[in-house]
Amino acid sequence: MAEIRDKLYYSISEVARLAEVKAHVLRYWETEFPMLSPPKNRAGNRTYRPQDVKMVLAIKKLLYDQGYTITGARQKLHTEKGSVLGQAEIPFNEGRKKERLRALRDGLKDLLDQLDDAG
């Protein structure tokens, strides 16, 4: 299995490669697992977030490694949602965390000001 990098979004082909399944399998899983619902961009392409990738890998493990049925895997994910996916991670090191959070906050404030001015 390929390594998950620190990215905000992944394409369906990247996720398929990471999970070692075909893209059509991912699209099928979206119909069977309501908790797997990657948003689509303006062009209509799926944009998998890191938590979506973790969900895909959890689904694959349940189905392929542990032998669950689709229904059984869906129930297990529903009842053990927190433990299956784990804690969300901030993708940068602790040393610069405050600095980056401050920069992010300032950028968001600037964006809000621009939106207020435009409206």
Protein backbone atom coordinates (compact mmCIF):
# COMPACT_ATOMS: atom_id res chain seq x y z
CA MET A 1 0.00 0.00 0.00
CA ALA A 2 1.33 3.45 -0.88
CA GLU A 3 2.07 6.07 1.76
CA ILE A 4 -0.45 8.80 2.55
CA ARG A 5 1.15 12.23 2.20
CA ASP A 6 0.06 15.41 3.92
CA LYS A 7 -2.30 16.82 1.31
CA LEU A 8 -5.62 18.58 1.66
CA TYR A 9 -7.27 16.71 -1.21
CA TYR A 10 -6.68 13.57 -3.25
CA SER A 11 -8.11 12.63 -6.63
CA ILE A 12 -9.98 9.35 -7.06
CA SER A 13 -7.04 7.92 -9.00
CA GLU A 14 -4.64 8.78 -6.16
CA VAL A 15 -6.93 7.16 -3.59
CA ALA A 16 -7.39 4.10 -5.80
CA ARG A 17 -3.61 3.77 -6.04
CA LEU A 18 -3.16 4.25 -2.26
CA ALA A 19 -5.82 1.65 -1.44
CA GLU A 20 -4.78 -0.66 -4.28
CA VAL A 21 -8.34 -0.90 -5.66
CA LYS A 22 -9.92 0.30 -8.90
CA ALA A 23 -11.70 3.66 -9.07
CA HIS A 24 -15.03 1.96 -9.81
CA VAL A 25 -14.70 0.10 -6.49
CA LEU A 26 -14.41 3.45 -4.68
CA ARG A 27 -17.47 4.78 -6.48
CA TYR A 28 -19.39 1.63 -5.52
CA TRP A 29 -18.31 1.94 -1.88
CA GLU A 30 -19.71 5.48 -1.85
CA THR A 31 -23.15 4.00 -2.63
CA GLU A 32 -22.84 1.37 0.11
CA PHE A 33 -21.16 3.37 2.89
CA PRO A 34 -22.94 6.66 3.68
CA MET A 35 -19.97 7.80 5.79
CA LEU A 36 -17.82 7.79 2.64
CA SER A 37 -18.95 10.87 0.77
CA PRO A 38 -16.09 12.87 -0.72
CA PRO A 39 -17.13 16.32 -1.91
CA LYS A 40 -16.90 17.21 -5.56
CA ASN A 41 -15.13 20.25 -6.97
CA ARG A 42 -16.64 22.66 -9.50
CA ALA A 43 -15.69 20.33 -12.33
CA GLY A 44 -17.59 17.49 -10.64
CA ASN A 45 -14.47 15.52 -9.68
CA ARG A 46 -14.32 13.80 -6.30
CA THR A 47 -11.93 15.44 -3.86
CA TYR A 48 -11.03 12.97 -1.15
CA ARG A 49 -9.92 14.55 2.13
CA PRO A 50 -7.47 12.75 4.44
CA GLN A 51 -10.38 11.47 6.57
CA ASP A 52 -12.00 10.08 3.41
CA VAL A 53 -8.77 8.25 2.56
CA LYS A 54 -8.66 6.82 6.09
CA MET A 55 -12.27 5.69 5.67
CA VAL A 56 -11.43 3.99 2.36
CA LEU A 57 -8.53 2.17 3.99
CA ALA A 58 -10.73 1.14 6.94
CA ILE A 59 -13.40 -0.19 4.56
CA LYS A 60 -10.81 -2.11 2.56
CA LYS A 61 -9.35 -3.64 5.72
CA LEU A 62 -12.78 -4.76 6.93
CA LEU A 63 -13.82 -6.21 3.58
CA TYR A 64 -10.58 -7.67 2.25
CA ASP A 65 -8.51 -8.49 5.34
CA GLN A 66 -11.13 -9.25 7.98
CA GLY A 67 -13.72 -10.84 5.70
CA TYR A 68 -16.71 -8.66 6.58
CA THR A 69 -19.69 -8.42 4.25
CA ILE A 70 -20.69 -4.97 3.00
CA THR A 71 -23.53 -4.90 5.55
CA GLY A 72 -21.28 -6.07 8.38
CA ALA A 73 -18.56 -3.56 7.53
CA ARG A 74 -21.13 -0.76 7.35
CA GLN A 75 -22.48 -1.69 10.81
CA LYS A 76 -18.98 -1.95 12.30
CA LEU A 77 -17.98 1.45 10.91
CA HIS A 78 -21.22 2.96 12.20
CA THR A 79 -20.82 1.60 15.74
CA GLU A 80 -17.06 2.11 16.02
CA LYS A 81 -16.64 5.28 13.97
CA GLY A 82 -14.16 6.98 16.34
CA SER A 83 -11.93 3.98 16.92
CA VAL A 84 -11.77 2.96 13.26
CA LEU A 85 -10.64 6.34 11.98
CA GLY A 86 -8.72 7.54 14.99
CA GLN A 87 -8.10 11.11 16.07
CA ALA A 88 -7.85 13.80 13.41
CA GLU A 89 -4.30 15.05 12.96
CA ILE A 90 -2.96 18.51 12.21
CA PRO A 91 -0.46 18.02 9.38
CA PHE A 92 2.37 20.17 10.69
CA ASN A 93 4.90 19.87 13.48
CA GLU A 94 4.30 21.21 16.99
CA GLY A 95 7.16 23.71 16.88
CA ARG A 96 5.50 25.91 14.26
CA LYS A 97 1.89 25.07 15.10
CA LYS A 98 1.01 28.42 16.72
CA GLU A 99 2.70 30.38 13.96
CA ARG A 100 0.84 28.51 11.23
CA LEU A 101 -2.49 28.69 13.04
CA ARG A 102 -2.03 32.44 13.47
CA ALA A 103 -1.24 32.83 9.77
CA LEU A 104 -4.28 30.73 8.88
CA ARG A 105 -6.51 32.84 11.16
CA ASP A 106 -5.17 36.07 9.67
CA GLY A 107 -5.71 34.75 6.15
CA LEU A 108 -9.29 33.80 6.99
CA LYS A 109 -9.92 37.26 8.48
CA ASP A 110 -8.59 38.87 5.29
CA LEU A 111 -10.86 36.66 3.21
CA LEU A 112 -13.88 37.60 5.33
CA ASP A 113 -13.03 41.29 4.96
CA GLN A 114 -12.83 40.88 1.16
CA LEU A 115 -16.16 39.09 1.10
CA ASP A 116 -17.75 41.82 3.23
CA ASP A 117 -16.37 44.50 0.89
CA ALA A 118 -17.67 42.63 -2.19
CA GLY A 119 -21.16 42.14 -0.72
